[in-house]
Structure formats: C-alpha cells, structure tokens
Amino acid sequence: MEDFKEYLSQSVVKARKMKRGQYNLLRGWATPKNESADDLGWLVINKSLFKRNVAGYDGYVSWLPEEAFEEMYEKIQPVVAVE
C-alpha cells in the first residue's frame, strides 16, 4: 500500500434508504451472485460533483451499505429561525 495517499473529503449530500437491489435496478445493473439484493443501504446524491451519472437526478448518484453510510455521514438538523 505504499502508493496510496490519504485524502480528506467534506461534502453535504442528500440520501435516502434503499436496498442494493433497488439501486441496481435504478442503474440498470444485475445484482452480482455474491451480493444480496436485500442488503440495506443508502442512495446518495452528491450535488457538489459536476458529473451527473443517472438521468433524472441532479448530482452524482452512488450507493453505500448502511453501516458505511452511518460511519461517514451525520444528519444535518434544520436551523429554525427565531423571530
């Protein structure tokens, strides 16, 4: 692993729960035999990336298993204006 370098990423994304099989259908992919279509995870849309990779979505679309998503992201609490 000598050729790997470390990077830090900070971005705000939109996400919703989605099973792996649903994501594969969205992308037009078959679920590989070594993966379960019922794996729980999150559909992630990153609007800060220029590339759009799925028609109908405004941002770069990806999927993360539930545990990985929960380790990487924290829900943003809405700010309520006080008058």
PDB file of N, CA and C in Angstrom:
ATOM      1  N   MET A   1       0.811  -1.196   0.000  1.00  0.00           N
ATOM      2  CA  MET A   1       0.000   0.000   0.000  1.00  0.00           C
ATOM      3  C   MET A   1       0.852   1.257   0.000  1.00  0.00           C
ATOM      4  N   GLU A   2       2.036   1.152  -0.405  1.00  0.00           N
ATOM      5  CA  GLU A   2       2.942   2.300  -0.399  1.00  0.00           C
ATOM      6  C   GLU A   2       2.516   3.392  -1.365  1.00  0.00           C
ATOM      7  N   ASP A   3       1.826   3.040  -2.441  1.00  0.00           N
ATOM      8  CA  ASP A   3       1.455   4.040  -3.437  1.00  0.00           C
ATOM      9  C   ASP A   3       0.154   4.775  -3.103  1.00  0.00           C
ATOM     10  N   PHE A   4      -0.523   4.382  -2.024  1.00  0.00           N
ATOM     11  CA  PHE A   4      -1.745   5.060  -1.619  1.00  0.00           C
ATOM     12  C   PHE A   4      -1.418   6.314  -0.815  1.00  0.00           C
ATOM     13  N   LYS A   5      -2.197   7.364  -1.041  1.00  0.00           N
ATOM     14  CA  LYS A   5      -2.062   8.600  -0.294  1.00  0.00           C
ATOM     15  C   LYS A   5      -3.365   8.847   0.458  1.00  0.00           C
ATOM     16  N   GLU A   6      -3.324   9.630   1.500  1.00  0.00           N
ATOM     17  CA  GLU A   6      -4.518   9.914   2.289  1.00  0.00           C
ATOM     18  C   GLU A   6      -5.180  11.205   1.819  1.00  0.00           C
ATOM     19  N   TYR A   7      -6.533  11.205   1.854  1.00  0.00           N
ATOM     20  CA  TYR A   7      -7.319  12.358   1.442  1.00  0.00           C
ATOM     21  C   TYR A   7      -8.455  12.561   2.429  1.00  0.00           C
ATOM     22  N   LEU A   8      -8.861  13.793   2.589  1.00  0.00           N
ATOM     23  CA  LEU A   8      -9.989  14.135   3.443  1.00  0.00           C
ATOM     24  C   LEU A   8     -11.081  14.730   2.567  1.00  0.00           C
ATOM     25  N   SER A   9     -12.308  14.300   2.777  1.00  0.00           N
ATOM     26  CA  SER A   9     -13.427  14.804   1.988  1.00  0.00           C
ATOM     27  C   SER A   9     -14.489  15.362   2.917  1.00  0.00           C
ATOM     28  N   GLN A  10     -15.040  16.499   2.548  1.00  0.00           N
ATOM     29  CA  GLN A  10     -16.174  17.068   3.263  1.00  0.00           C
ATOM     30  C   GLN A  10     -17.197  17.501   2.228  1.00  0.00           C
ATOM     31  N   SER A  11     -18.385  16.938   2.316  1.00  0.00           N
ATOM     32  CA  SER A  11     -19.427  17.346   1.389  1.00  0.00           C
ATOM     33  C   SER A  11     -20.785  17.101   2.015  1.00  0.00           C
ATOM     34  N   VAL A  12     -21.743  17.902   1.611  1.00  0.00           N
ATOM     35  CA  VAL A  12     -23.124  17.739   2.032  1.00  0.00           C
ATOM     36  C   VAL A  12     -23.820  16.970   0.918  1.00  0.00           C
ATOM     37  N   VAL A  13     -24.513  15.907   1.281  1.00  0.00           N
ATOM     38  CA  VAL A  13     -25.196  15.074   0.301  1.00  0.00           C
ATOM     39  C   VAL A  13     -26.657  14.931   0.688  1.00  0.00           C
ATOM     40  N   LYS A  14     -27.456  14.505  -0.267  1.00  0.00           N
ATOM     41  CA  LYS A  14     -28.834  14.099   0.011  1.00  0.00           C
ATOM     42  C   LYS A  14     -28.833  12.574  -0.038  1.00  0.00           C
ATOM     43  N   ALA A  15     -29.621  11.951   0.830  1.00  0.00           N
ATOM     44  CA  ALA A  15     -29.630  10.496   0.870  1.00  0.00           C
ATOM     45  C   ALA A  15     -30.970   9.978   1.358  1.00  0.00           C
ATOM     46  N   ARG A  16     -31.271   8.768   0.938  1.00  0.00           N
ATOM     47  CA  ARG A  16     -32.445   8.068   1.447  1.00  0.00           C
ATOM     48  C   ARG A  16     -32.145   6.584   1.450  1.00  0.00           C
ATOM     49  N   LYS A  17     -32.839   5.864   2.336  1.00  0.00           N
ATOM     50  CA  LYS A  17     -32.615   4.422   2.433  1.00  0.00           C
ATOM     51  C   LYS A  17     -33.052   3.744   1.141  1.00  0.00           C
ATOM     52  N   MET A  18     -32.255   2.752   0.737  1.00  0.00           N
ATOM     53  CA  MET A  18     -32.563   1.998  -0.471  1.00  0.00           C
ATOM     54  C   MET A  18     -31.806   0.679  -0.419  1.00  0.00           C
ATOM     55  N   LYS A  19     -32.467  -0.401  -0.758  1.00  0.00           N
ATOM     56  CA  LYS A  19     -31.797  -1.701  -0.803  1.00  0.00           C
ATOM     57  C   LYS A  19     -30.883  -1.774  -2.021  1.00  0.00           C
ATOM     58  N   ARG A  20     -29.875  -2.618  -1.920  1.00  0.00           N
ATOM     59  CA  ARG A  20     -28.908  -2.779  -3.009  1.00  0.00           C
ATOM     60  C   ARG A  20     -29.599  -3.166  -4.326  1.00  0.00           C
ATOM     61  N   GLY A  21     -30.569  -4.044  -4.261  1.00  0.00           N
ATOM     62  CA  GLY A  21     -31.272  -4.477  -5.475  1.00  0.00           C
ATOM     63  C   GLY A  21     -32.028  -3.339  -6.139  1.00  0.00           C
ATOM     64  N   GLN A  22     -32.632  -2.463  -5.336  1.00  0.00           N
ATOM     65  CA  GLN A  22     -33.338  -1.298  -5.885  1.00  0.00           C
ATOM     66  C   GLN A  22     -32.348  -0.381  -6.596  1.00  0.00           C
ATOM     67  N   TYR A  23     -31.175  -0.178  -5.974  1.00  0.00           N
ATOM     68  CA  TYR A  23     -30.155   0.664  -6.601  1.00  0.00           C
ATOM     69  C   TYR A  23     -29.686   0.044  -7.907  1.00  0.00           C
ATOM     70  N   ASN A  24     -29.449  -1.253  -7.906  1.00  0.00           N
ATOM     71  CA  ASN A  24     -29.004  -1.905  -9.141  1.00  0.00           C
ATOM     72  C   ASN A  24     -30.047  -1.761 -10.245  1.00  0.00           C
ATOM     73  N   LEU A  25     -31.344  -1.864  -9.902  1.00  0.00           N
ATOM     74  CA  LEU A  25     -32.398  -1.648 -10.897  1.00  0.00           C
ATOM     75  C   LEU A  25     -32.362  -0.215 -11.430  1.00  0.00           C
ATOM     76  N   LEU A  26     -32.180   0.749 -10.532  1.00  0.00           N
ATOM     77  CA  LEU A  26     -32.085   2.154 -10.934  1.00  0.00           C
ATOM     78  C   LEU A  26     -30.965   2.351 -11.948  1.00  0.00           C
ATOM     79  N   ARG A  27     -29.838   1.689 -11.716  1.00  0.00           N
ATOM     80  CA  ARG A  27     -28.682   1.826 -12.600  1.00  0.00           C
ATOM     81  C   ARG A  27     -28.743   0.918 -13.825  1.00  0.00           C
ATOM     82  N   GLY A  28     -29.708  -0.003 -13.860  1.00  0.00           N
ATOM     83  CA  GLY A  28     -29.819  -0.936 -14.979  1.00  0.00           C
ATOM     84  C   GLY A  28     -28.830  -2.082 -14.877  1.00  0.00           C
ATOM     85  N   TRP A  29     -28.432  -2.413 -13.657  1.00  0.00           N
ATOM     86  CA  TRP A  29     -27.445  -3.472 -13.414  1.00  0.00           C
ATOM     87  C   TRP A  29     -28.121  -4.697 -12.823  1.00  0.00           C
ATOM     88  N   ALA A  30     -27.548  -5.851 -13.083  1.00  0.00           N
ATOM     89  CA  ALA A  30     -27.966  -7.079 -12.407  1.00  0.00           C
ATOM     90  C   ALA A  30     -27.200  -7.161 -11.086  1.00  0.00           C
ATOM     91  N   THR A  31     -27.846  -7.687 -10.055  1.00  0.00           N
ATOM     92  CA  THR A  31     -27.153  -7.878  -8.779  1.00  0.00           C
ATOM     93  C   THR A  31     -26.206  -9.066  -8.921  1.00  0.00           C
ATOM     94  N   PRO A  32     -24.910  -8.866  -8.646  1.00  0.00           N
ATOM     95  CA  PRO A  32     -23.961  -9.980  -8.746  1.00  0.00           C
ATOM     96  C   PRO A  32     -24.351 -11.131  -7.820  1.00  0.00           C
ATOM     97  N   LYS A  33     -23.991 -12.340  -8.198  1.00  0.00           N
ATOM     98  CA  LYS A  33     -24.360 -13.531  -7.431  1.00  0.00           C
ATOM     99  C   LYS A  33     -23.782 -13.520  -6.025  1.00  0.00           C
ATOM    100  N   ASN A  34     -22.666 -12.831  -5.824  1.00  0.00           N
ATOM    101  CA  ASN A  34     -22.034 -12.814  -4.496  1.00  0.00           C
ATOM    102  C   ASN A  34     -22.560 -11.677  -3.615  1.00  0.00           C
ATOM    103  N   GLU A  35     -23.606 -10.955  -4.080  1.00  0.00           N
ATOM    104  CA  GLU A  35     -24.209  -9.873  -3.308  1.00  0.00           C
ATOM    105  C   GLU A  35     -25.695 -10.153  -3.132  1.00  0.00           C
ATOM    106  N   SER A  36     -26.283  -9.595  -2.066  1.00  0.00           N
ATOM    107  CA  SER A  36     -27.707  -9.771  -1.815  1.00  0.00           C
ATOM    108  C   SER A  36     -28.471  -8.514  -2.206  1.00  0.00           C
ATOM    109  N   ALA A  37     -29.531  -8.689  -2.971  1.00  0.00           N
ATOM    110  CA  ALA A  37     -30.376  -7.556  -3.366  1.00  0.00           C
ATOM    111  C   ALA A  37     -31.069  -6.940  -2.154  1.00  0.00           C
ATOM    112  N   ASP A  38     -31.146  -7.693  -1.045  1.00  0.00           N
ATOM    113  CA  ASP A  38     -31.820  -7.210   0.156  1.00  0.00           C
ATOM    114  C   ASP A  38     -30.906  -6.468   1.113  1.00  0.00           C
ATOM    115  N   ASP A  39     -29.616  -6.295   0.755  1.00  0.00           N
ATOM    116  CA  ASP A  39     -28.707  -5.539   1.622  1.00  0.00           C
ATOM    117  C   ASP A  39     -29.259  -4.140   1.832  1.00  0.00           C
ATOM    118  N   LEU A  40     -29.292  -3.705   3.094  1.00  0.00           N
ATOM    119  CA  LEU A  40     -29.772  -2.363   3.410  1.00  0.00           C
ATOM    120  C   LEU A  40     -28.667  -1.348   3.168  1.00  0.00           C
ATOM    121  N   GLY A  41     -29.055  -0.208   2.634  1.00  0.00           N
ATOM    122  CA  GLY A  41     -28.078   0.837   2.365  1.00  0.00           C
ATOM    123  C   GLY A  41     -28.753   2.158   2.095  1.00  0.00           C
ATOM    124  N   TRP A  42     -27.975   3.052   1.510  1.00  0.00           N
ATOM    125  CA  TRP A  42     -28.430   4.415   1.243  1.00  0.00           C
ATOM    126  C   TRP A  42     -28.103   4.831  -0.181  1.00  0.00           C
ATOM    127  N   LEU A  43     -29.081   5.409  -0.870  1.00  0.00           N
ATOM    128  CA  LEU A  43     -28.863   6.085  -2.138  1.00  0.00           C
ATOM    129  C   LEU A  43     -28.325   7.467  -1.793  1.00  0.00           C
ATOM    130  N   VAL A  44     -27.194   7.832  -2.353  1.00  0.00           N
ATOM    131  CA  VAL A  44     -26.531   9.090  -2.021  1.00  0.00           C
ATOM    132  C   VAL A  44     -26.447   9.947  -3.278  1.00  0.00           C
ATOM    133  N   ILE A  45     -26.849  11.209  -3.163  1.00  0.00           N
ATOM    134  CA  ILE A  45     -26.751  12.160  -4.276  1.00  0.00           C
ATOM    135  C   ILE A  45     -25.838  13.298  -3.840  1.00  0.00           C
ATOM    136  N   ASN A  46     -24.729  13.426  -4.519  1.00  0.00           N
ATOM    137  CA  ASN A  46     -23.756  14.470  -4.212  1.00  0.00           C
ATOM    138  C   ASN A  46     -23.871  15.555  -5.271  1.00  0.00           C
ATOM    139  N   LYS A  47     -24.505  16.677  -4.905  1.00  0.00           N
ATOM    140  CA  LYS A  47     -24.715  17.768  -5.860  1.00  0.00           C
ATOM    141  C   LYS A  47     -23.465  18.613  -6.067  1.00  0.00           C
ATOM    142  N   SER A  48     -22.453  18.430  -5.220  1.00  0.00           N
ATOM    143  CA  SER A  48     -21.237  19.241  -5.372  1.00  0.00           C
ATOM    144  C   SER A  48     -20.319  18.698  -6.461  1.00  0.00           C
ATOM    145  N   LEU A  49     -20.595  17.492  -6.954  1.00  0.00           N
ATOM    146  CA  LEU A  49     -19.803  16.934  -8.046  1.00  0.00           C
ATOM    147  C   LEU A  49     -20.453  17.313  -9.369  1.00  0.00           C
ATOM    148  N   PHE A  50     -19.651  17.713 -10.313  1.00  0.00           N
ATOM    149  CA  PHE A  50     -20.160  18.189 -11.593  1.00  0.00           C
ATOM    150  C   PHE A  50     -20.837  17.081 -12.393  1.00  0.00           C
ATOM    151  N   LYS A  51     -20.246  15.891 -12.397  1.00  0.00           N
ATOM    152  CA  LYS A  51     -20.744  14.815 -13.244  1.00  0.00           C
ATOM    153  C   LYS A  51     -22.105  14.315 -12.780  1.00  0.00           C
ATOM    154  N   ARG A  52     -23.024  14.177 -13.722  1.00  0.00           N
ATOM    155  CA  ARG A  52     -24.334  13.584 -13.477  1.00  0.00           C
ATOM    156  C   ARG A  52     -24.287  12.199 -14.107  1.00  0.00           C
ATOM    157  N   ASN A  53     -24.510  11.155 -13.324  1.00  0.00           N
ATOM    158  CA  ASN A  53     -24.343   9.804 -13.858  1.00  0.00           C
ATOM    159  C   ASN A  53     -25.638   9.001 -13.947  1.00  0.00           C
ATOM    160  N   VAL A  54     -26.762   9.578 -13.484  1.00  0.00           N
ATOM    161  CA  VAL A  54     -28.055   8.900 -13.587  1.00  0.00           C
ATOM    162  C   VAL A  54     -29.089   9.930 -14.032  1.00  0.00           C
ATOM    163  N   ALA A  55     -29.763   9.645 -15.132  1.00  0.00           N
ATOM    164  CA  ALA A  55     -30.786  10.563 -15.644  1.00  0.00           C
ATOM    165  C   ALA A  55     -31.865  10.784 -14.590  1.00  0.00           C
ATOM    166  N   GLY A  56     -32.302  12.044 -14.456  1.00  0.00           N
ATOM    167  CA  GLY A  56     -33.366  12.382 -13.525  1.00  0.00           C
ATOM    168  C   GLY A  56     -32.885  12.770 -12.138  1.00  0.00           C
ATOM    169  N   TYR A  57     -31.580  12.700 -11.911  1.00  0.00           N
ATOM    170  CA  TYR A  57     -31.021  13.083 -10.613  1.00  0.00           C
ATOM    171  C   TYR A  57     -30.048  14.226 -10.809  1.00  0.00           C
ATOM    172  N   ASP A  58     -30.151  15.232  -9.957  1.00  0.00           N
ATOM    173  CA  ASP A  58     -29.299  16.411 -10.045  1.00  0.00           C
ATOM    174  C   ASP A  58     -28.088  16.239  -9.126  1.00  0.00           C
ATOM    175  N   GLY A  59     -27.117  15.467  -9.586  1.00  0.00           N
ATOM    176  CA  GLY A  59     -25.919  15.203  -8.808  1.00  0.00           C
ATOM    177  C   GLY A  59     -25.362  13.836  -9.150  1.00  0.00           C
ATOM    178  N   TYR A  60     -24.229  13.510  -8.538  1.00  0.00           N
ATOM    179  CA  TYR A  60     -23.588  12.219  -8.748  1.00  0.00           C
ATOM    180  C   TYR A  60     -24.222  11.210  -7.807  1.00  0.00           C
ATOM    181  N   VAL A  61     -24.766  10.131  -8.362  1.00  0.00           N
ATOM    182  CA  VAL A  61     -25.521   9.144  -7.599  1.00  0.00           C
ATOM    183  C   VAL A  61     -24.638   7.945  -7.280  1.00  0.00           C
ATOM    184  N   SER A  62     -24.697   7.512  -6.015  1.00  0.00           N
ATOM    185  CA  SER A  62     -23.989   6.300  -5.600  1.00  0.00           C
ATOM    186  C   SER A  62     -24.798   5.605  -4.520  1.00  0.00           C
ATOM    187  N   TRP A  63     -24.318   4.456  -4.087  1.00  0.00           N
ATOM    188  CA  TRP A  63     -24.985   3.680  -3.043  1.00  0.00           C
ATOM    189  C   TRP A  63     -23.942   3.215  -2.052  1.00  0.00           C
ATOM    190  N   LEU A  64     -24.288   3.266  -0.774  1.00  0.00           N
ATOM    191  CA  LEU A  64     -23.397   2.779   0.277  1.00  0.00           C
ATOM    192  C   LEU A  64     -24.153   1.810   1.172  1.00  0.00           C
ATOM    193  N   PRO A  65     -23.499   0.741   1.613  1.00  0.00           N
ATOM    194  CA  PRO A  65     -24.128  -0.119   2.612  1.00  0.00           C
ATOM    195  C   PRO A  65     -24.457   0.699   3.863  1.00  0.00           C
ATOM    196  N   GLU A  66     -25.474   0.281   4.584  1.00  0.00           N
ATOM    197  CA  GLU A  66     -25.967   1.029   5.731  1.00  0.00           C
ATOM    198  C   GLU A  66     -24.865   1.375   6.738  1.00  0.00           C
ATOM    199  N   GLU A  67     -24.055   0.401   7.128  1.00  0.00           N
ATOM    200  CA  GLU A  67     -23.012   0.652   8.126  1.00  0.00           C
ATOM    201  C   GLU A  67     -21.990   1.668   7.642  1.00  0.00           C
ATOM    202  N   ALA A  68     -21.576   1.574   6.385  1.00  0.00           N
ATOM    203  CA  ALA A  68     -20.595   2.517   5.850  1.00  0.00           C
ATOM    204  C   ALA A  68     -21.173   3.927   5.815  1.00  0.00           C
ATOM    205  N   PHE A  69     -22.428   4.059   5.378  1.00  0.00           N
ATOM    206  CA  PHE A  69     -23.063   5.378   5.324  1.00  0.00           C
ATOM    207  C   PHE A  69     -23.129   6.001   6.709  1.00  0.00           C
ATOM    208  N   GLU A  70     -23.549   5.209   7.695  1.00  0.00           N
ATOM    209  CA  GLU A  70     -23.711   5.742   9.041  1.00  0.00           C
ATOM    210  C   GLU A  70     -22.382   6.118   9.683  1.00  0.00           C
ATOM    211  N   GLU A  71     -21.293   5.481   9.278  1.00  0.00           N
ATOM    212  CA  GLU A  71     -19.967   5.860   9.768  1.00  0.00           C
ATOM    213  C   GLU A  71     -19.480   7.153   9.126  1.00  0.00           C
ATOM    214  N   MET A  72     -19.883   7.403   7.882  1.00  0.00           N
ATOM    215  CA  MET A  72     -19.356   8.535   7.117  1.00  0.00           C
ATOM    216  C   MET A  72     -20.174   9.813   7.263  1.00  0.00           C
ATOM    217  N   TYR A  73     -21.483   9.689   7.461  1.00  0.00           N
ATOM    218  CA  TYR A  73     -22.353  10.854   7.406  1.00  0.00           C
ATOM    219  C   TYR A  73     -23.128  11.046   8.703  1.00  0.00           C
ATOM    220  N   GLU A  74     -23.408  12.295   9.010  1.00  0.00           N
ATOM    221  CA  GLU A  74     -24.227  12.666  10.159  1.00  0.00           C
ATOM    222  C   GLU A  74     -25.363  13.537   9.641  1.00  0.00           C
ATOM    223  N   LYS A  75     -26.583  13.260  10.091  1.00  0.00           N
ATOM    224  CA  LYS A  75     -27.730  14.019   9.629  1.00  0.00           C
ATOM    225  C   LYS A  75     -27.626  15.477  10.089  1.00  0.00           C
ATOM    226  N   ILE A  76     -27.909  16.389   9.185  1.00  0.00           N
ATOM    227  CA  ILE A  76     -27.906  17.813   9.487  1.00  0.00           C
ATOM    228  C   ILE A  76     -29.279  18.182  10.056  1.00  0.00           C
ATOM    229  N   GLN A  77     -29.279  18.827  11.186  1.00  0.00           N
ATOM    230  CA  GLN A  77     -30.527  19.277  11.785  1.00  0.00           C
ATOM    231  C   GLN A  77     -30.910  20.623  11.178  1.00  0.00           C
ATOM    232  N   PRO A  78     -32.161  20.778  10.755  1.00  0.00           N
ATOM    233  CA  PRO A  78     -32.574  22.061  10.176  1.00  0.00           C
ATOM    234  C   PRO A  78     -32.442  23.198  11.189  1.00  0.00           C
ATOM    235  N   VAL A  79     -32.077  24.340  10.687  1.00  0.00           N
ATOM    236  CA  VAL A  79     -31.974  25.530  11.530  1.00  0.00           C
ATOM    237  C   VAL A  79     -33.332  26.214  11.534  1.00  0.00           C
ATOM    238  N   VAL A  80     -33.838  26.500  12.723  1.00  0.00           N
ATOM    239  CA  VAL A  80     -35.139  27.163  12.853  1.00  0.00           C
ATOM    240  C   VAL A  80     -34.901  28.626  13.171  1.00  0.00           C
ATOM    241  N   ALA A  81     -35.470  29.498  12.368  1.00  0.00           N
ATOM    242  CA  ALA A  81     -35.324  30.925  12.591  1.00  0.00           C
ATOM    243  C   ALA A  81     -36.162  31.347  13.793  1.00  0.00           C
ATOM    244  N   VAL A  82     -35.563  32.141  14.646  1.00  0.00           N
ATOM    245  CA  VAL A  82     -36.262  32.659  15.826  1.00  0.00           C
ATOM    246  C   VAL A  82     -36.589  34.118  15.567  1.00  0.00           C
ATOM    247  N   GLU A  83     -37.859  34.452  15.718  1.00  0.00           N
ATOM    248  CA  GLU A  83     -38.264  35.838  15.455  1.00  0.00           C
ATOM    249  C   GLU A  83     -38.351  36.632  16.721  1.00  0.00           C
TER     250      GLU A  83
END
